[in-house]
Amino acid sequence: MRIVDLTHPLADGMPVFPGLPEPSFRPIASVPRDGYAMTELHLLNHVGTHVDAPAHQIAGGDTLDEISLDRLVTHALTIDVSDRPPGPIPLAELESQLHHLHPGDILFLCSDNARNWGTAAYWTGWSYPDLQCARALVECRISAIGFDGPSADPVDSTTFELHRLGSRQGG
């Protein structure tokens, strides 16, 4: 098994979802001065690389600490969608790959948007399933879906349909 860390570094000045407060990281102790290192953190749970728990969109849904780690540390399938324009992916574009998914797998959609991290293009430069495609993925009983973008829904979404669909299905 190969484990891949997909985490963006947490740091002052890091990109945050439009409208959210910026995080801050303040060293309060250092090894040379205090014999130990410690940093004071001020951040929301939706900065950088993160997992949306069902409770993010569903009242009474599981919180992150209630999600079993075997849902997050499991087999994964990565589908490269970097050759298409950013935006919603219709089911027809992924349908031929769905037989590779097994219940409990994680699906990663790679639109090569990580190259835009820290720029305005990051907020619009990724691909995500449209609603019909997302429903088909839920039917595959996958554990989770990951994107190289800031959200399951477009940044300007007011309905959060994709968030809600995944949250109702337990993830």
C-alpha atoms as a PDB file:
ATOM      1  CA  MET A   1       0.000   0.000   0.000  1.00  0.00           C
ATOM      2  CA  ARG A   2       1.203   3.515  -0.800  1.00  0.00           C
ATOM      3  CA  ILE A   3       0.056   6.393   1.384  1.00  0.00           C
ATOM      4  CA  VAL A   4      -0.065   9.838  -0.218  1.00  0.00           C
ATOM      5  CA  ASP A   5      -0.289  13.032   1.842  1.00  0.00           C
ATOM      6  CA  LEU A   6      -2.382  15.563  -0.064  1.00  0.00           C
ATOM      7  CA  THR A   7      -2.223  18.266   2.599  1.00  0.00           C
ATOM      8  CA  HIS A   8      -1.617  21.890   1.676  1.00  0.00           C
ATOM      9  CA  PRO A   9       0.652  23.543   4.255  1.00  0.00           C
ATOM     10  CA  LEU A  10      -1.057  25.635   6.908  1.00  0.00           C
ATOM     11  CA  ALA A  11       0.548  29.082   7.122  1.00  0.00           C
ATOM     12  CA  ASP A  12      -0.160  32.768   7.524  1.00  0.00           C
ATOM     13  CA  GLY A  13      -1.392  34.215   4.242  1.00  0.00           C
ATOM     14  CA  MET A  14      -2.622  30.877   2.884  1.00  0.00           C
ATOM     15  CA  PRO A  15      -5.605  30.937   0.509  1.00  0.00           C
ATOM     16  CA  VAL A  16      -9.014  30.749   2.168  1.00  0.00           C
ATOM     17  CA  PHE A  17     -12.501  30.294   0.765  1.00  0.00           C
ATOM     18  CA  PRO A  18     -13.849  33.701  -0.287  1.00  0.00           C
ATOM     19  CA  GLY A  19     -15.401  35.521   2.648  1.00  0.00           C
ATOM     20  CA  LEU A  20     -13.789  33.416   5.394  1.00  0.00           C
ATOM     21  CA  PRO A  21     -11.366  34.976   7.877  1.00  0.00           C
ATOM     22  CA  GLU A  22      -7.693  34.269   7.323  1.00  0.00           C
ATOM     23  CA  PRO A  23      -6.021  31.883   9.750  1.00  0.00           C
ATOM     24  CA  SER A  24      -3.111  32.958  11.905  1.00  0.00           C
ATOM     25  CA  PHE A  25      -0.280  30.950  13.383  1.00  0.00           C
ATOM     26  CA  ARG A  26       1.722  32.545  16.205  1.00  0.00           C
ATOM     27  CA  PRO A  27       4.695  30.862  17.828  1.00  0.00           C
ATOM     28  CA  ILE A  28       4.367  31.130  21.603  1.00  0.00           C
ATOM     29  CA  ALA A  29       7.300  28.926  22.620  1.00  0.00           C
ATOM     30  CA  SER A  30      10.527  27.785  20.963  1.00  0.00           C
ATOM     31  CA  VAL A  31      12.942  24.977  21.795  1.00  0.00           C
ATOM     32  CA  PRO A  32      16.019  27.250  22.169  1.00  0.00           C
ATOM     33  CA  ARG A  33      14.199  29.690  24.486  1.00  0.00           C
ATOM     34  CA  ASP A  34      11.660  27.476  26.283  1.00  0.00           C
ATOM     35  CA  GLY A  35      12.793  23.893  25.799  1.00  0.00           C
ATOM     36  CA  TYR A  36       9.744  23.056  23.675  1.00  0.00           C
ATOM     37  CA  ALA A  37       7.926  24.406  20.640  1.00  0.00           C
ATOM     38  CA  MET A  38       4.297  25.534  20.633  1.00  0.00           C
ATOM     39  CA  THR A  39       2.158  27.523  18.212  1.00  0.00           C
ATOM     40  CA  GLU A  40      -1.134  29.275  18.826  1.00  0.00           C
ATOM     41  CA  LEU A  41      -3.567  28.512  15.987  1.00  0.00           C
ATOM     42  CA  HIS A  42      -6.601  30.539  14.909  1.00  0.00           C
ATOM     43  CA  LEU A  43      -8.403  28.948  11.990  1.00  0.00           C
ATOM     44  CA  LEU A  44     -11.698  27.610  10.784  1.00  0.00           C
ATOM     45  CA  ASN A  45     -12.154  23.929   9.979  1.00  0.00           C
ATOM     46  CA  HIS A  46     -12.551  24.743   6.272  1.00  0.00           C
ATOM     47  CA  VAL A  47      -9.116  26.028   5.375  1.00  0.00           C
ATOM     48  CA  GLY A  48      -6.575  24.192   3.280  1.00  0.00           C
ATOM     49  CA  THR A  49      -6.996  20.478   2.752  1.00  0.00           C
ATOM     50  CA  HIS A  50      -9.967  19.285   4.782  1.00  0.00           C
ATOM     51  CA  VAL A  51     -12.758  16.741   5.061  1.00  0.00           C
ATOM     52  CA  ASP A  52     -16.392  17.827   5.055  1.00  0.00           C
ATOM     53  CA  ALA A  53     -18.256  15.811   7.657  1.00  0.00           C
ATOM     54  CA  PRO A  54     -22.007  15.208   7.134  1.00  0.00           C
ATOM     55  CA  ALA A  55     -22.673  17.667   9.992  1.00  0.00           C
ATOM     56  CA  HIS A  56     -21.294  20.414   7.729  1.00  0.00           C
ATOM     57  CA  GLN A  57     -24.561  20.384   5.760  1.00  0.00           C
ATOM     58  CA  ILE A  58     -26.992  18.113   7.649  1.00  0.00           C
ATOM     59  CA  ALA A  59     -28.330  18.914  11.122  1.00  0.00           C
ATOM     60  CA  GLY A  60     -27.547  15.961  13.361  1.00  0.00           C
ATOM     61  CA  GLY A  61     -25.114  14.465  10.815  1.00  0.00           C
ATOM     62  CA  ASP A  62     -21.863  12.855  11.898  1.00  0.00           C
ATOM     63  CA  THR A  63     -19.100  15.210  12.940  1.00  0.00           C
ATOM     64  CA  LEU A  64     -15.542  14.568  11.805  1.00  0.00           C
ATOM     65  CA  ASP A  65     -14.612  12.829  15.068  1.00  0.00           C
ATOM     66  CA  GLU A  66     -17.529  10.421  14.541  1.00  0.00           C
ATOM     67  CA  ILE A  67     -16.347   9.255  11.113  1.00  0.00           C
ATOM     68  CA  SER A  68     -14.448   5.991  11.313  1.00  0.00           C
ATOM     69  CA  LEU A  69     -10.860   6.272  10.122  1.00  0.00           C
ATOM     70  CA  ASP A  70     -11.332   3.239   7.868  1.00  0.00           C
ATOM     71  CA  ARG A  71     -13.533   5.481   5.707  1.00  0.00           C
ATOM     72  CA  LEU A  72     -10.593   7.833   5.214  1.00  0.00           C
ATOM     73  CA  VAL A  73      -7.703   5.371   5.088  1.00  0.00           C
ATOM     74  CA  THR A  74      -8.746   2.981   2.356  1.00  0.00           C
ATOM     75  CA  HIS A  75      -8.248   2.135  -1.297  1.00  0.00           C
ATOM     76  CA  ALA A  76      -8.590   4.957  -3.756  1.00  0.00           C
ATOM     77  CA  LEU A  77      -9.106   5.432  -7.451  1.00  0.00           C
ATOM     78  CA  THR A  78      -7.743   8.552  -9.113  1.00  0.00           C
ATOM     79  CA  ILE A  79      -9.302   9.665 -12.372  1.00  0.00           C
ATOM     80  CA  ASP A  80      -7.383  12.264 -14.348  1.00  0.00           C
ATOM     81  CA  VAL A  81      -9.811  14.889 -15.636  1.00  0.00           C
ATOM     82  CA  SER A  82      -7.153  17.507 -16.353  1.00  0.00           C
ATOM     83  CA  ASP A  83      -7.725  17.390 -20.112  1.00  0.00           C
ATOM     84  CA  ARG A  84     -11.251  18.799 -19.814  1.00  0.00           C
ATOM     85  CA  PRO A  85     -12.368  22.348 -19.052  1.00  0.00           C
ATOM     86  CA  PRO A  86     -12.951  23.015 -15.340  1.00  0.00           C
ATOM     87  CA  GLY A  87     -16.490  22.679 -14.045  1.00  0.00           C
ATOM     88  CA  PRO A  88     -19.175  20.031 -13.669  1.00  0.00           C
ATOM     89  CA  ILE A  89     -18.435  16.571 -15.069  1.00  0.00           C
ATOM     90  CA  PRO A  90     -21.397  14.808 -16.680  1.00  0.00           C
ATOM     91  CA  LEU A  91     -21.921  11.128 -15.907  1.00  0.00           C
ATOM     92  CA  ALA A  92     -21.089  10.194 -19.515  1.00  0.00           C
ATOM     93  CA  GLU A  93     -17.469  11.317 -18.946  1.00  0.00           C
ATOM     94  CA  LEU A  94     -16.895   9.064 -15.905  1.00  0.00           C
ATOM     95  CA  GLU A  95     -19.296   6.191 -16.546  1.00  0.00           C
ATOM     96  CA  SER A  96     -16.688   3.961 -18.198  1.00  0.00           C
ATOM     97  CA  GLN A  97     -14.490   4.235 -15.061  1.00  0.00           C
ATOM     98  CA  LEU A  98     -17.115   3.447 -12.426  1.00  0.00           C
ATOM     99  CA  HIS A  99     -16.572  -0.326 -12.663  1.00  0.00           C
ATOM    100  CA  HIS A 100     -13.134   0.271 -11.078  1.00  0.00           C
ATOM    101  CA  LEU A 101     -14.783   1.581  -7.900  1.00  0.00           C
ATOM    102  CA  HIS A 102     -15.675  -0.726  -5.021  1.00  0.00           C
ATOM    103  CA  PRO A 103     -17.833   0.014  -1.985  1.00  0.00           C
ATOM    104  CA  GLY A 104     -15.739   1.881   0.573  1.00  0.00           C
ATOM    105  CA  ASP A 105     -13.240   3.248  -1.956  1.00  0.00           C
ATOM    106  CA  ILE A 106     -12.360   6.912  -2.202  1.00  0.00           C
ATOM    107  CA  LEU A 107     -12.526   8.565  -5.608  1.00  0.00           C
ATOM    108  CA  PHE A 108     -10.097  11.370  -6.385  1.00  0.00           C
ATOM    109  CA  LEU A 109     -10.729  13.596  -9.380  1.00  0.00           C
ATOM    110  CA  CYS A 110      -7.483  15.187 -10.534  1.00  0.00           C
ATOM    111  CA  SER A 111      -8.026  18.303 -12.613  1.00  0.00           C
ATOM    112  CA  ASP A 112      -4.450  19.538 -12.024  1.00  0.00           C
ATOM    113  CA  ASN A 113      -5.864  22.512 -10.132  1.00  0.00           C
ATOM    114  CA  ALA A 114      -3.219  22.247  -7.413  1.00  0.00           C
ATOM    115  CA  ARG A 115      -0.969  24.207  -9.776  1.00  0.00           C
ATOM    116  CA  ASN A 116      -3.344  27.149  -9.163  1.00  0.00           C
ATOM    117  CA  TRP A 117      -3.050  27.025  -5.333  1.00  0.00           C
ATOM    118  CA  GLY A 118      -2.549  30.563  -4.090  1.00  0.00           C
ATOM    119  CA  THR A 119      -3.994  32.242  -7.209  1.00  0.00           C
ATOM    120  CA  ALA A 120      -7.455  33.470  -8.191  1.00  0.00           C
ATOM    121  CA  ALA A 121      -7.678  30.599 -10.713  1.00  0.00           C
ATOM    122  CA  TYR A 122      -7.764  28.065  -7.863  1.00  0.00           C
ATOM    123  CA  TRP A 123     -11.359  29.044  -7.012  1.00  0.00           C
ATOM    124  CA  THR A 124     -12.704  28.128 -10.473  1.00  0.00           C
ATOM    125  CA  GLY A 125     -10.080  25.761 -11.928  1.00  0.00           C
ATOM    126  CA  TRP A 126     -11.243  22.319 -10.801  1.00  0.00           C
ATOM    127  CA  SER A 127     -13.708  19.698 -11.984  1.00  0.00           C
ATOM    128  CA  TYR A 128     -16.398  18.008  -9.912  1.00  0.00           C
ATOM    129  CA  PRO A 129     -19.304  15.666 -10.750  1.00  0.00           C
ATOM    130  CA  ASP A 130     -22.591  17.189 -11.821  1.00  0.00           C
ATOM    131  CA  LEU A 131     -25.658  16.129  -9.820  1.00  0.00           C
ATOM    132  CA  GLN A 132     -26.470  13.079 -11.999  1.00  0.00           C
ATOM    133  CA  CYS A 133     -22.860  11.915 -11.881  1.00  0.00           C
ATOM    134  CA  ALA A 134     -22.726  12.464  -8.093  1.00  0.00           C
ATOM    135  CA  ARG A 135     -25.862  10.333  -7.690  1.00  0.00           C
ATOM    136  CA  ALA A 136     -24.186   7.530  -9.664  1.00  0.00           C
ATOM    137  CA  LEU A 137     -21.129   7.770  -7.393  1.00  0.00           C
ATOM    138  CA  VAL A 138     -23.339   7.522  -4.309  1.00  0.00           C
ATOM    139  CA  GLU A 139     -24.875   4.372  -5.814  1.00  0.00           C
ATOM    140  CA  CYS A 140     -21.341   2.925  -6.029  1.00  0.00           C
ATOM    141  CA  ARG A 141     -21.263   3.259  -2.211  1.00  0.00           C
ATOM    142  CA  ILE A 142     -17.889   4.973  -2.226  1.00  0.00           C
ATOM    143  CA  SER A 143     -16.554   6.210   1.087  1.00  0.00           C
ATOM    144  CA  ALA A 144     -15.656   9.696  -0.104  1.00  0.00           C
ATOM    145  CA  ILE A 145     -14.733  11.821  -3.079  1.00  0.00           C
ATOM    146  CA  GLY A 146     -11.797  14.178  -3.228  1.00  0.00           C
ATOM    147  CA  PHE A 147     -11.136  17.169  -5.448  1.00  0.00           C
ATOM    148  CA  ASP A 148      -8.152  19.386  -6.117  1.00  0.00           C
ATOM    149  CA  GLY A 149     -10.389  22.385  -5.617  1.00  0.00           C
ATOM    150  CA  PRO A 150     -11.962  24.230  -2.723  1.00  0.00           C
ATOM    151  CA  SER A 151     -15.383  22.591  -2.624  1.00  0.00           C
ATOM    152  CA  ALA A 152     -17.732  19.894  -3.859  1.00  0.00           C
ATOM    153  CA  ASP A 153     -19.918  22.677  -5.260  1.00  0.00           C
ATOM    154  CA  PRO A 154     -18.928  25.740  -7.270  1.00  0.00           C
ATOM    155  CA  VAL A 155     -17.678  28.586  -5.070  1.00  0.00           C
ATOM    156  CA  ASP A 156     -20.711  30.695  -5.996  1.00  0.00           C
ATOM    157  CA  SER A 157     -23.253  27.940  -5.181  1.00  0.00           C
ATOM    158  CA  THR A 158     -26.252  28.933  -3.122  1.00  0.00           C
ATOM    159  CA  THR A 159     -27.881  25.472  -3.072  1.00  0.00           C
ATOM    160  CA  PHE A 160     -24.907  23.250  -2.142  1.00  0.00           C
ATOM    161  CA  GLU A 161     -26.610  20.337  -3.935  1.00  0.00           C
ATOM    162  CA  LEU A 162     -23.470  18.213  -4.160  1.00  0.00           C
ATOM    163  CA  HIS A 163     -22.567  18.801  -0.513  1.00  0.00           C
ATOM    164  CA  ARG A 164     -26.058  17.858   0.589  1.00  0.00           C
ATOM    165  CA  LEU A 165     -26.216  14.739  -1.577  1.00  0.00           C
ATOM    166  CA  GLY A 166     -22.957  13.400  -0.174  1.00  0.00           C
ATOM    167  CA  SER A 167     -23.848  14.388   3.384  1.00  0.00           C
ATOM    168  CA  ARG A 168     -27.221  12.613   3.237  1.00  0.00           C
ATOM    169  CA  GLN A 169     -25.417   9.484   2.132  1.00  0.00           C
ATOM    170  CA  GLY A 170     -23.131   9.603   5.143  1.00  0.00           C
ATOM    171  CA  GLY A 171     -20.165  11.356   3.629  1.00  0.00           C
END
